[in-house]
Amino acid sequence: MTAERFFCADAARARGDALPGTAPYGLVWVLVEYHAPWPANGYDGLALDPVTKSLLYEAARAVRARILLIRRHGRRPEGAGPPR
C-alpha cells in the first residue's frame, strides 16, 4: 500500500487559500546554518565571503535547489538581545 503524497499547495488550492502564503515546493534544499542575525533581504544580505556565496548560489541553481537559512534550536545570534 502506497501513501498518497501530500502537498501543502494542493491543500491550499482545494480550500481556496491565496497561494502566496503557501510553502514553496522543492526537491532539493540546501540548509545553511547561519549564526549571525538573519538579514532582511535574505541570501543577498548574508555576511559570507563573496566567492563562497557565489559558488553556493550557482551550485544550488544548477540543480534547482532552494537555499534555506537554519539555526539550531536554542541558539541565539551573536549580538542578539535577550529572548522575547
PDB file of N, CA and C in Angstrom:
ATOM      1  N   MET A   1       0.842  -1.175   0.000  1.00  0.00           N
ATOM      2  CA  MET A   1       0.000   0.000   0.000  1.00  0.00           C
ATOM      3  C   MET A   1       0.888   1.239   0.000  1.00  0.00           C
ATOM      4  N   THR A   2       0.681   2.120  -0.950  1.00  0.00           N
ATOM      5  CA  THR A   2       1.488   3.325  -1.069  1.00  0.00           C
ATOM      6  C   THR A   2       0.694   4.530  -0.590  1.00  0.00           C
ATOM      7  N   ALA A   3       1.281   5.306   0.289  1.00  0.00           N
ATOM      8  CA  ALA A   3       0.615   6.518   0.786  1.00  0.00           C
ATOM      9  C   ALA A   3       0.640   7.591  -0.297  1.00  0.00           C
ATOM     10  N   GLU A   4      -0.469   8.297  -0.432  1.00  0.00           N
ATOM     11  CA  GLU A   4      -0.534   9.389  -1.402  1.00  0.00           C
ATOM     12  C   GLU A   4       0.327  10.543  -0.896  1.00  0.00           C
ATOM     13  N   ARG A   5       1.073  11.173  -1.799  1.00  0.00           N
ATOM     14  CA  ARG A   5       1.936  12.296  -1.405  1.00  0.00           C
ATOM     15  C   ARG A   5       1.077  13.513  -1.118  1.00  0.00           C
ATOM     16  N   PHE A   6       1.399  14.215  -0.045  1.00  0.00           N
ATOM     17  CA  PHE A   6       0.657  15.401   0.371  1.00  0.00           C
ATOM     18  C   PHE A   6       1.480  16.643   0.062  1.00  0.00           C
ATOM     19  N   PHE A   7       0.849  17.614  -0.583  1.00  0.00           N
ATOM     20  CA  PHE A   7       1.494  18.891  -0.863  1.00  0.00           C
ATOM     21  C   PHE A   7       0.638  20.005  -0.280  1.00  0.00           C
ATOM     22  N   CYS A   8       1.248  20.876   0.521  1.00  0.00           N
ATOM     23  CA  CYS A   8       0.525  21.986   1.146  1.00  0.00           C
ATOM     24  C   CYS A   8      -0.177  22.860   0.108  1.00  0.00           C
ATOM     25  N   ALA A   9       0.488  23.129  -1.018  1.00  0.00           N
ATOM     26  CA  ALA A   9      -0.098  23.998  -2.044  1.00  0.00           C
ATOM     27  C   ALA A   9      -1.376  23.388  -2.615  1.00  0.00           C
ATOM     28  N   ASP A  10      -1.406  22.054  -2.789  1.00  0.00           N
ATOM     29  CA  ASP A  10      -2.618  21.399  -3.293  1.00  0.00           C
ATOM     30  C   ASP A  10      -3.760  21.537  -2.293  1.00  0.00           C
ATOM     31  N   ALA A  11      -3.458  21.359  -1.015  1.00  0.00           N
ATOM     32  CA  ALA A  11      -4.484  21.509   0.019  1.00  0.00           C
ATOM     33  C   ALA A  11      -4.978  22.956   0.075  1.00  0.00           C
ATOM     34  N   ALA A  12      -4.061  23.910  -0.090  1.00  0.00           N
ATOM     35  CA  ALA A  12      -4.444  25.327  -0.081  1.00  0.00           C
ATOM     36  C   ALA A  12      -5.362  25.642  -1.261  1.00  0.00           C
ATOM     37  N   ARG A  13      -5.047  25.106  -2.436  1.00  0.00           N
ATOM     38  CA  ARG A  13      -5.907  25.312  -3.612  1.00  0.00           C
ATOM     39  C   ARG A  13      -7.302  24.739  -3.368  1.00  0.00           C
ATOM     40  N   ALA A  14      -7.351  23.550  -2.796  1.00  0.00           N
ATOM     41  CA  ALA A  14      -8.638  22.898  -2.532  1.00  0.00           C
ATOM     42  C   ALA A  14      -9.482  23.715  -1.555  1.00  0.00           C
ATOM     43  N   ARG A  15      -8.822  24.384  -0.596  1.00  0.00           N
ATOM     44  CA  ARG A  15      -9.538  25.224   0.363  1.00  0.00           C
ATOM     45  C   ARG A  15      -9.854  26.599  -0.197  1.00  0.00           C
ATOM     46  N   GLY A  16      -9.202  26.964  -1.315  1.00  0.00           N
ATOM     47  CA  GLY A  16      -9.394  28.297  -1.879  1.00  0.00           C
ATOM     48  C   GLY A  16      -8.484  29.342  -1.255  1.00  0.00           C
ATOM     49  N   ASP A  17      -7.410  28.889  -0.572  1.00  0.00           N
ATOM     50  CA  ASP A  17      -6.459  29.828   0.035  1.00  0.00           C
ATOM     51  C   ASP A  17      -5.704  30.594  -1.037  1.00  0.00           C
ATOM     52  N   ALA A  18      -5.220  31.777  -0.670  1.00  0.00           N
ATOM     53  CA  ALA A  18      -4.340  32.529  -1.558  1.00  0.00           C
ATOM     54  C   ALA A  18      -2.995  31.808  -1.594  1.00  0.00           C
ATOM     55  N   LEU A  19      -2.471  31.518  -2.779  1.00  0.00           N
ATOM     56  CA  LEU A  19      -1.242  30.733  -2.890  1.00  0.00           C
ATOM     57  C   LEU A  19       0.024  31.441  -2.433  1.00  0.00           C
ATOM     58  N   PRO A  20       0.121  32.779  -2.426  1.00  0.00           N
ATOM     59  CA  PRO A  20       1.366  33.377  -1.958  1.00  0.00           C
ATOM     60  C   PRO A  20       1.738  32.995  -0.532  1.00  0.00           C
ATOM     61  N   GLY A  21       0.792  32.531   0.261  1.00  0.00           N
ATOM     62  CA  GLY A  21       1.089  32.168   1.635  1.00  0.00           C
ATOM     63  C   GLY A  21       1.424  30.703   1.832  1.00  0.00           C
ATOM     64  N   THR A  22       1.570  29.939   0.772  1.00  0.00           N
ATOM     65  CA  THR A  22       1.860  28.515   0.922  1.00  0.00           C
ATOM     66  C   THR A  22       3.363  28.269   0.874  1.00  0.00           C
ATOM     67  N   ALA A  23       3.755  27.125   1.357  1.00  0.00           N
ATOM     68  CA  ALA A  23       5.174  26.770   1.378  1.00  0.00           C
ATOM     69  C   ALA A  23       5.679  26.515  -0.039  1.00  0.00           C
ATOM     70  N   PRO A  24       6.927  26.882  -0.310  1.00  0.00           N
ATOM     71  CA  PRO A  24       7.490  26.632  -1.643  1.00  0.00           C
ATOM     72  C   PRO A  24       7.778  25.147  -1.844  1.00  0.00           C
ATOM     73  N   TYR A  25       7.690  24.723  -3.076  1.00  0.00           N
ATOM     74  CA  TYR A  25       7.973  23.336  -3.427  1.00  0.00           C
ATOM     75  C   TYR A  25       9.450  23.211  -3.767  1.00  0.00           C
ATOM     76  N   GLY A  26      10.058  22.158  -3.340  1.00  0.00           N
ATOM     77  CA  GLY A  26      11.443  21.921  -3.701  1.00  0.00           C
ATOM     78  C   GLY A  26      11.804  20.465  -3.489  1.00  0.00           C
ATOM     79  N   LEU A  27      12.531  19.902  -4.423  1.00  0.00           N
ATOM     80  CA  LEU A  27      13.026  18.538  -4.259  1.00  0.00           C
ATOM     81  C   LEU A  27      14.364  18.532  -3.543  1.00  0.00           C
ATOM     82  N   VAL A  28      15.128  19.602  -3.714  1.00  0.00           N
ATOM     83  CA  VAL A  28      16.452  19.700  -3.107  1.00  0.00           C
ATOM     84  C   VAL A  28      16.514  21.000  -2.312  1.00  0.00           C
ATOM     85  N   TRP A  29      16.915  20.895  -1.066  1.00  0.00           N
ATOM     86  CA  TRP A  29      17.063  22.064  -0.205  1.00  0.00           C
ATOM     87  C   TRP A  29      18.505  22.095   0.287  1.00  0.00           C
ATOM     88  N   VAL A  30      19.111  23.270   0.268  1.00  0.00           N
ATOM     89  CA  VAL A  30      20.451  23.462   0.817  1.00  0.00           C
ATOM     90  C   VAL A  30      20.264  24.221   2.123  1.00  0.00           C
ATOM     91  N   LEU A  31      20.589  23.570   3.235  1.00  0.00           N
ATOM     92  CA  LEU A  31      20.423  24.186   4.544  1.00  0.00           C
ATOM     93  C   LEU A  31      21.744  24.811   4.962  1.00  0.00           C
ATOM     94  N   VAL A  32      21.697  26.102   5.273  1.00  0.00           N
ATOM     95  CA  VAL A  32      22.896  26.827   5.681  1.00  0.00           C
ATOM     96  C   VAL A  32      22.704  27.256   7.127  1.00  0.00           C
ATOM     97  N   GLU A  33      23.507  26.668   8.042  1.00  0.00           N
ATOM     98  CA  GLU A  33      23.438  27.095   9.437  1.00  0.00           C
ATOM     99  C   GLU A  33      24.167  28.429   9.545  1.00  0.00           C
ATOM    100  N   TYR A  34      23.421  29.449   9.922  1.00  0.00           N
ATOM    101  CA  TYR A  34      23.945  30.817   9.924  1.00  0.00           C
ATOM    102  C   TYR A  34      23.771  31.389  11.318  1.00  0.00           C
ATOM    103  N   HIS A  35      24.895  31.688  11.998  1.00  0.00           N
ATOM    104  CA  HIS A  35      24.861  32.104  13.399  1.00  0.00           C
ATOM    105  C   HIS A  35      24.584  33.589  13.586  1.00  0.00           C
ATOM    106  N   ALA A  36      24.922  34.404  12.614  1.00  0.00           N
ATOM    107  CA  ALA A  36      24.706  35.851  12.742  1.00  0.00           C
ATOM    108  C   ALA A  36      23.220  36.164  12.583  1.00  0.00           C
ATOM    109  N   PRO A  37      22.805  37.376  12.953  1.00  0.00           N
ATOM    110  CA  PRO A  37      21.398  37.745  12.714  1.00  0.00           C
ATOM    111  C   PRO A  37      21.057  37.611  11.232  1.00  0.00           C
ATOM    112  N   TRP A  38      19.872  37.116  10.951  1.00  0.00           N
ATOM    113  CA  TRP A  38      19.459  36.912   9.565  1.00  0.00           C
ATOM    114  C   TRP A  38      19.119  38.244   8.921  1.00  0.00           C
ATOM    115  N   PRO A  39      19.647  38.479   7.723  1.00  0.00           N
ATOM    116  CA  PRO A  39      19.391  39.754   7.046  1.00  0.00           C
ATOM    117  C   PRO A  39      17.955  39.842   6.529  1.00  0.00           C
ATOM    118  N   ALA A  40      17.453  41.065   6.462  1.00  0.00           N
ATOM    119  CA  ALA A  40      16.086  41.288   5.978  1.00  0.00           C
ATOM    120  C   ALA A  40      15.956  40.945   4.499  1.00  0.00           C
ATOM    121  N   ASN A  41      17.038  41.097   3.739  1.00  0.00           N
ATOM    122  CA  ASN A  41      16.965  40.848   2.297  1.00  0.00           C
ATOM    123  C   ASN A  41      17.473  39.460   1.918  1.00  0.00           C
ATOM    124  N   GLY A  42      17.436  38.531   2.846  1.00  0.00           N
ATOM    125  CA  GLY A  42      17.734  37.140   2.540  1.00  0.00           C
ATOM    126  C   GLY A  42      19.167  36.867   2.137  1.00  0.00           C
ATOM    127  N   TYR A  43      19.325  35.978   1.173  1.00  0.00           N
ATOM    128  CA  TYR A  43      20.644  35.488   0.776  1.00  0.00           C
ATOM    129  C   TYR A  43      21.581  36.604   0.348  1.00  0.00           C
ATOM    130  N   ASP A  44      21.056  37.610  -0.347  1.00  0.00           N
ATOM    131  CA  ASP A  44      21.912  38.712  -0.808  1.00  0.00           C
ATOM    132  C   ASP A  44      22.582  39.436   0.346  1.00  0.00           C
ATOM    133  N   GLY A  45      21.938  39.471   1.508  1.00  0.00           N
ATOM    134  CA  GLY A  45      22.473  40.209   2.640  1.00  0.00           C
ATOM    135  C   GLY A  45      23.353  39.410   3.578  1.00  0.00           C
ATOM    136  N   LEU A  46      23.623  38.143   3.264  1.00  0.00           N
ATOM    137  CA  LEU A  46      24.455  37.326   4.149  1.00  0.00           C
ATOM    138  C   LEU A  46      25.884  37.837   4.189  1.00  0.00           C
ATOM    139  N   ALA A  47      26.446  37.842   5.378  1.00  0.00           N
ATOM    140  CA  ALA A  47      27.832  38.265   5.549  1.00  0.00           C
ATOM    141  C   ALA A  47      28.749  37.057   5.353  1.00  0.00           C
ATOM    142  N   LEU A  48      28.829  36.591   4.121  1.00  0.00           N
ATOM    143  CA  LEU A  48      29.706  35.477   3.757  1.00  0.00           C
ATOM    144  C   LEU A  48      30.733  35.973   2.757  1.00  0.00           C
ATOM    145  N   ASP A  49      31.835  35.234   2.655  1.00  0.00           N
ATOM    146  CA  ASP A  49      32.833  35.534   1.642  1.00  0.00           C
ATOM    147  C   ASP A  49      32.139  35.552   0.275  1.00  0.00           C
ATOM    148  N   PRO A  50      32.332  36.610  -0.528  1.00  0.00           N
ATOM    149  CA  PRO A  50      31.638  36.710  -1.819  1.00  0.00           C
ATOM    150  C   PRO A  50      31.870  35.516  -2.753  1.00  0.00           C
ATOM    151  N   VAL A  51      33.082  34.967  -2.757  1.00  0.00           N
ATOM    152  CA  VAL A  51      33.367  33.817  -3.628  1.00  0.00           C
ATOM    153  C   VAL A  51      32.572  32.599  -3.152  1.00  0.00           C
ATOM    154  N   THR A  52      32.581  32.350  -1.846  1.00  0.00           N
ATOM    155  CA  THR A  52      31.830  31.226  -1.281  1.00  0.00           C
ATOM    156  C   THR A  52      30.343  31.383  -1.561  1.00  0.00           C
ATOM    157  N   LYS A  53      29.841  32.589  -1.356  1.00  0.00           N
ATOM    158  CA  LYS A  53      28.417  32.850  -1.578  1.00  0.00           C
ATOM    159  C   LYS A  53      28.036  32.612  -3.038  1.00  0.00           C
ATOM    160  N   SER A  54      28.874  33.043  -3.947  1.00  0.00           N
ATOM    161  CA  SER A  54      28.614  32.859  -5.373  1.00  0.00           C
ATOM    162  C   SER A  54      28.650  31.378  -5.755  1.00  0.00           C
ATOM    163  N   LEU A  55      29.644  30.646  -5.246  1.00  0.00           N
ATOM    164  CA  LEU A  55      29.748  29.210  -5.535  1.00  0.00           C
ATOM    165  C   LEU A  55      28.530  28.448  -5.013  1.00  0.00           C
ATOM    166  N   LEU A  56      28.106  28.765  -3.800  1.00  0.00           N
ATOM    167  CA  LEU A  56      26.939  28.108  -3.216  1.00  0.00           C
ATOM    168  C   LEU A  56      25.685  28.409  -4.032  1.00  0.00           C
ATOM    169  N   TYR A  57      25.510  29.665  -4.405  1.00  0.00           N
ATOM    170  CA  TYR A  57      24.336  30.063  -5.186  1.00  0.00           C
ATOM    171  C   TYR A  57      24.308  29.344  -6.537  1.00  0.00           C
ATOM    172  N   GLU A  58      25.436  29.329  -7.232  1.00  0.00           N
ATOM    173  CA  GLU A  58      25.489  28.695  -8.558  1.00  0.00           C
ATOM    174  C   GLU A  58      25.285  27.184  -8.469  1.00  0.00           C
ATOM    175  N   ALA A  59      25.843  26.553  -7.425  1.00  0.00           N
ATOM    176  CA  ALA A  59      25.653  25.108  -7.250  1.00  0.00           C
ATOM    177  C   ALA A  59      24.182  24.791  -6.983  1.00  0.00           C
ATOM    178  N   ALA A  60      23.532  25.591  -6.159  1.00  0.00           N
ATOM    179  CA  ALA A  60      22.113  25.384  -5.873  1.00  0.00           C
ATOM    180  C   ALA A  60      21.272  25.625  -7.124  1.00  0.00           C
ATOM    181  N   ARG A  61      21.600  26.657  -7.861  1.00  0.00           N
ATOM    182  CA  ARG A  61      20.846  26.990  -9.075  1.00  0.00           C
ATOM    183  C   ARG A  61      20.977  25.880 -10.118  1.00  0.00           C
ATOM    184  N   ALA A  62      22.151  25.275 -10.198  1.00  0.00           N
ATOM    185  CA  ALA A  62      22.403  24.227 -11.201  1.00  0.00           C
ATOM    186  C   ALA A  62      21.489  23.018 -11.018  1.00  0.00           C
ATOM    187  N   VAL A  63      21.096  22.738  -9.776  1.00  0.00           N
ATOM    188  CA  VAL A  63      20.218  21.592  -9.519  1.00  0.00           C
ATOM    189  C   VAL A  63      18.822  22.038  -9.081  1.00  0.00           C
ATOM    190  N   ARG A  64      18.518  23.302  -9.305  1.00  0.00           N
ATOM    191  CA  ARG A  64      17.217  23.893  -8.962  1.00  0.00           C
ATOM    192  C   ARG A  64      16.885  23.693  -7.488  1.00  0.00           C
ATOM    193  N   ALA A  65      17.895  23.883  -6.639  1.00  0.00           N
ATOM    194  CA  ALA A  65      17.718  23.740  -5.195  1.00  0.00           C
ATOM    195  C   ALA A  65      17.322  25.078  -4.581  1.00  0.00           C
ATOM    196  N   ARG A  66      16.705  24.998  -3.426  1.00  0.00           N
ATOM    197  CA  ARG A  66      16.349  26.195  -2.669  1.00  0.00           C
ATOM    198  C   ARG A  66      17.307  26.300  -1.490  1.00  0.00           C
ATOM    199  N   ILE A  67      17.778  27.507  -1.211  1.00  0.00           N
ATOM    200  CA  ILE A  67      18.684  27.743  -0.089  1.00  0.00           C
ATOM    201  C   ILE A  67      17.847  28.227   1.088  1.00  0.00           C
ATOM    202  N   LEU A  68      18.066  27.618   2.251  1.00  0.00           N
ATOM    203  CA  LEU A  68      17.297  27.948   3.438  1.00  0.00           C
ATOM    204  C   LEU A  68      18.244  28.148   4.609  1.00  0.00           C
ATOM    205  N   LEU A  69      18.116  29.284   5.290  1.00  0.00           N
ATOM    206  CA  LEU A  69      18.913  29.526   6.487  1.00  0.00           C
ATOM    207  C   LEU A  69      18.290  28.780   7.655  1.00  0.00           C
ATOM    208  N   ILE A  70      19.151  28.187   8.475  1.00  0.00           N
ATOM    209  CA  ILE A  70      18.673  27.486   9.663  1.00  0.00           C
ATOM    210  C   ILE A  70      19.519  27.909  10.858  1.00  0.00           C
ATOM    211  N   ARG A  71      18.966  27.678  12.046  1.00  0.00           N
ATOM    212  CA  ARG A  71      19.695  27.905  13.288  1.00  0.00           C
ATOM    213  C   ARG A  71      19.278  26.789  14.236  1.00  0.00           C
ATOM    214  N   ARG A  72      20.223  26.250  14.969  1.00  0.00           N
ATOM    215  CA  ARG A  72      19.891  25.189  15.915  1.00  0.00           C
ATOM    216  C   ARG A  72      18.985  25.742  17.007  1.00  0.00           C
ATOM    217  N   HIS A  73      18.053  24.925  17.438  1.00  0.00           N
ATOM    218  CA  HIS A  73      17.107  25.327  18.479  1.00  0.00           C
ATOM    219  C   HIS A  73      17.865  25.791  19.718  1.00  0.00           C
ATOM    220  N   GLY A  74      17.467  26.911  20.243  1.00  0.00           N
ATOM    221  CA  GLY A  74      18.088  27.434  21.450  1.00  0.00           C
ATOM    222  C   GLY A  74      19.298  28.309  21.205  1.00  0.00           C
ATOM    223  N   ARG A  75      19.796  28.354  19.995  1.00  0.00           N
ATOM    224  CA  ARG A  75      20.949  29.196  19.696  1.00  0.00           C
ATOM    225  C   ARG A  75      20.496  30.635  19.509  1.00  0.00           C
ATOM    226  N   ARG A  76      21.223  31.553  20.097  1.00  0.00           N
ATOM    227  CA  ARG A  76      20.942  32.975  19.943  1.00  0.00           C
ATOM    228  C   ARG A  76      21.969  33.549  18.981  1.00  0.00           C
ATOM    229  N   PRO A  77      21.538  34.427  18.063  1.00  0.00           N
ATOM    230  CA  PRO A  77      22.508  35.045  17.161  1.00  0.00           C
ATOM    231  C   PRO A  77      23.485  35.922  17.936  1.00  0.00           C
ATOM    232  N   GLU A  78      24.702  36.023  17.416  1.00  0.00           N
ATOM    233  CA  GLU A  78      25.716  36.861  18.047  1.00  0.00           C
ATOM    234  C   GLU A  78      25.214  38.291  18.125  1.00  0.00           C
ATOM    235  N   GLY A  79      25.327  38.900  19.306  1.00  0.00           N
ATOM    236  CA  GLY A  79      24.911  40.287  19.464  1.00  0.00           C
ATOM    237  C   GLY A  79      23.415  40.464  19.647  1.00  0.00           C
ATOM    238  N   ALA A  80      22.683  39.372  19.762  1.00  0.00           N
ATOM    239  CA  ALA A  80      21.230  39.482  19.941  1.00  0.00           C
ATOM    240  C   ALA A  80      20.926  39.868  21.378  1.00  0.00           C
ATOM    241  N   GLY A  81      19.859  40.579  21.555  1.00  0.00           N
ATOM    242  CA  GLY A  81      19.419  40.962  22.890  1.00  0.00           C
ATOM    243  C   GLY A  81      18.801  39.777  23.609  1.00  0.00           C
ATOM    244  N   PRO A  82      18.162  40.054  24.742  1.00  0.00           N
ATOM    245  CA  PRO A  82      17.540  38.960  25.496  1.00  0.00           C
ATOM    246  C   PRO A  82      16.365  38.359  24.731  1.00  0.00           C
ATOM    247  N   PRO A  83      16.035  37.098  25.023  1.00  0.00           N
ATOM    248  CA  PRO A  83      14.889  36.474  24.349  1.00  0.00           C
ATOM    249  C   PRO A  83      13.611  37.251  24.627  1.00  0.00           C
ATOM    250  N   ARG A  84      12.719  37.261  23.642  1.00  0.00           N
ATOM    251  CA  ARG A  84      11.434  37.959  23.835  1.00  0.00           C
ATOM    252  C   ARG A  84      10.400  37.024  24.372  1.00  0.00           C
TER     253      ARG A  84
END
